[in-house]
């Protein structure tokens, strides 16, 4: 894995540049700036594909990619967000932000790798961890009553 892009909400608030329309590309969070090349690529993809976007910095927020960096993974990181009003409660999200986010993710996945070396495997999957799985022991019933008023 060469790149890790987190997807999260970008709360619209005083002092923030997030918006309810378009996708927000974060330049940094409280741990510092995201990968210069990856964030520039995301902005360029928005421009080339006419995806409404804005940039923001989240000084009081720690994104999920911080854990990967702190664990020592050598990976390019970025954060893209959908604009939201009032997180962790009555969240209000405009469909335009979700669509813009989906469009950016799609064009990113279809784009070429920025650096040729990032497409080369640096190890095998032989020692990659696997989660043991087994069938769940459960009884499914249909005794649920549905109130159809």
Protein backbone atom coordinates (compact mmCIF):
# COMPACT_ATOMS: atom_id res chain seq x y z
CA UNK A 1 0.00 0.00 0.00
CA UNK A 2 1.46 3.31 -1.04
CA UNK A 3 -1.35 5.74 -0.19
CA UNK A 4 -3.95 5.98 2.54
CA UNK A 5 -6.82 8.42 2.14
CA UNK A 6 -9.18 8.86 5.07
CA UNK A 7 -12.78 9.92 4.48
CA UNK A 8 -14.50 11.83 7.26
CA UNK A 9 -16.86 14.71 7.91
CA UNK A 10 -15.64 18.29 7.62
CA UNK A 11 -17.67 20.38 10.02
CA UNK A 12 -18.68 23.78 8.70
CA UNK A 13 -17.85 26.23 11.48
CA UNK A 14 -16.37 29.69 12.07
CA UNK A 15 -12.69 29.64 11.15
CA UNK A 16 -13.08 26.58 8.91
CA UNK A 17 -13.17 26.53 5.12
CA UNK A 18 -15.34 23.40 4.83
CA UNK A 19 -18.61 23.87 3.00
CA UNK A 20 -21.86 22.03 2.50
CA UNK A 21 -21.17 21.84 -1.25
CA UNK A 22 -18.26 20.09 -2.90
CA UNK A 23 -15.55 17.98 -1.33
CA UNK A 24 -13.12 19.35 1.24
CA UNK A 25 -9.46 18.38 0.85
CA UNK A 26 -7.62 18.76 4.12
CA UNK A 27 -4.09 20.12 3.98
CA UNK A 28 -3.31 19.24 7.62
CA UNK A 29 -4.75 18.15 10.95
CA UNK A 30 -3.40 18.53 14.49
CA UNK A 31 -0.60 16.06 13.70
CA UNK A 32 0.73 18.18 10.85
CA UNK A 33 0.47 18.39 7.08
CA UNK A 34 -0.66 15.53 4.87
CA UNK A 35 1.47 14.27 1.98
CA UNK A 36 2.21 17.17 -0.36
CA UNK A 37 2.15 15.12 -3.56
CA UNK A 38 -1.04 13.21 -2.71
CA UNK A 39 -3.02 16.29 -1.67
CA UNK A 40 -1.87 18.16 -4.80
CA UNK A 41 -2.95 15.18 -6.91
CA UNK A 42 -6.41 15.23 -5.29
CA UNK A 43 -6.78 18.97 -5.95
CA UNK A 44 -5.60 18.50 -9.55
CA UNK A 45 -8.13 15.70 -10.08
CA UNK A 46 -10.90 18.00 -8.82
CA UNK A 47 -9.83 20.77 -11.21
CA UNK A 48 -9.47 18.43 -14.21
CA UNK A 49 -12.84 16.78 -13.55
CA UNK A 50 -14.72 19.94 -12.56
CA UNK A 51 -15.44 18.68 -9.04
CA UNK A 52 -16.29 21.55 -6.71
CA UNK A 53 -13.80 21.53 -3.84
CA UNK A 54 -12.20 23.60 -1.14
CA UNK A 55 -9.14 23.21 1.06
CA UNK A 56 -9.13 23.31 4.84
CA UNK A 57 -6.92 22.75 7.88
CA UNK A 58 -8.30 20.97 10.94
CA UNK A 59 -6.19 22.25 13.85
CA UNK A 60 -8.27 20.56 16.56
CA UNK A 61 -8.89 17.23 14.85
CA UNK A 62 -6.86 14.03 14.58
CA UNK A 63 -7.65 12.01 11.46
CA UNK A 64 -7.60 8.23 11.19
CA UNK A 65 -4.44 8.27 9.06
CA UNK A 66 -2.46 9.51 12.08
CA UNK A 67 -2.58 6.01 13.55
CA UNK A 68 -0.89 4.54 10.48
CA UNK A 69 1.89 7.12 10.61
CA UNK A 70 2.39 6.68 14.37
CA UNK A 71 2.57 2.91 13.87
CA UNK A 72 5.54 3.49 11.56
CA UNK A 73 3.96 2.82 8.18
CA UNK A 74 5.74 4.50 5.27
CA UNK A 75 2.65 5.59 3.38
CA UNK A 76 1.39 8.76 1.72
CA UNK A 77 -1.61 10.13 3.61
CA UNK A 78 -4.50 12.47 2.86
CA UNK A 79 -7.92 13.37 4.24
CA UNK A 80 -10.99 14.18 2.17
CA UNK A 81 -14.26 15.30 3.73
CA UNK A 82 -17.91 15.92 3.07
CA UNK A 83 -19.27 19.11 4.58
CA UNK A 84 -21.52 18.65 7.58
CA UNK A 85 -23.42 20.77 10.03
CA UNK A 86 -23.54 19.52 13.63
CA UNK A 87 -21.63 16.24 13.81
CA UNK A 88 -22.41 13.48 16.32
CA UNK A 89 -26.08 14.34 16.66
CA UNK A 90 -28.55 15.77 14.18
CA UNK A 91 -26.11 15.66 11.33
CA UNK A 92 -27.10 17.58 8.24
CA UNK A 93 -25.32 16.69 5.02
CA UNK A 94 -26.06 18.04 1.55
CA UNK A 95 -26.22 15.40 -1.18
CA UNK A 96 -23.95 17.60 -3.30
CA UNK A 97 -21.07 17.08 -0.84
CA UNK A 98 -21.55 13.32 -0.86
CA UNK A 99 -21.69 13.23 -4.65
CA UNK A 100 -18.55 15.36 -4.98
CA UNK A 101 -16.77 13.08 -2.52
CA UNK A 102 -17.82 9.99 -4.48
CA UNK A 103 -16.70 11.59 -7.75
CA UNK A 104 -13.26 12.38 -6.33
CA UNK A 105 -12.84 8.87 -4.93
CA UNK A 106 -13.83 7.43 -8.32
CA UNK A 107 -11.44 9.53 -10.40
CA UNK A 108 -8.65 8.88 -7.89
CA UNK A 109 -9.13 5.12 -8.11
CA UNK A 110 -9.08 5.32 -11.91
CA UNK A 111 -6.01 7.57 -12.03
CA UNK A 112 -2.43 6.52 -12.61
CA UNK A 113 -0.07 6.11 -9.68
CA UNK A 114 1.85 9.37 -9.16
CA UNK A 115 5.24 7.70 -8.64
CA UNK A 116 6.22 4.55 -10.54
CA UNK A 117 7.95 3.12 -7.46
CA UNK A 118 4.63 3.23 -5.58
CA UNK A 119 3.21 0.60 -7.95
CA UNK A 120 5.98 -1.90 -7.19
CA UNK A 121 5.51 -4.48 -4.46
CA UNK A 122 8.03 -4.15 -1.66
CA UNK A 123 7.20 -7.47 -0.03
CA UNK A 124 5.06 -10.55 -0.30
CA UNK A 125 1.67 -11.20 1.22
CA UNK A 126 2.95 -14.49 2.68
CA UNK A 127 3.29 -13.09 6.20
CA UNK A 128 0.31 -10.75 5.99
CA UNK A 129 -1.99 -11.29 8.95
CA UNK A 130 -5.29 -13.07 8.44
CA UNK A 131 -8.32 -12.80 10.68
CA UNK A 132 -9.71 -16.23 11.58
CA UNK A 133 -13.38 -16.55 10.70
CA UNK A 134 -16.02 -19.14 11.36
CA UNK A 135 -19.78 -19.41 11.05
CA UNK A 136 -21.70 -17.52 13.72
CA UNK A 137 -23.75 -19.60 16.11
CA UNK A 138 -27.16 -17.95 15.88
CA UNK A 139 -30.85 -18.64 15.56
CA UNK A 140 -32.79 -16.35 13.28
CA UNK A 141 -36.46 -15.83 14.05
CA UNK A 142 -39.25 -13.92 12.38
CA UNK A 143 -41.05 -12.89 15.56
CA UNK A 144 -40.53 -9.17 14.99
CA UNK A 145 -43.71 -7.09 15.00
CA UNK A 146 -43.85 -4.18 12.59
CA UNK A 147 -46.16 -1.28 13.35
CA UNK A 148 -47.49 -0.08 9.97
CA UNK A 149 -49.35 3.11 10.80
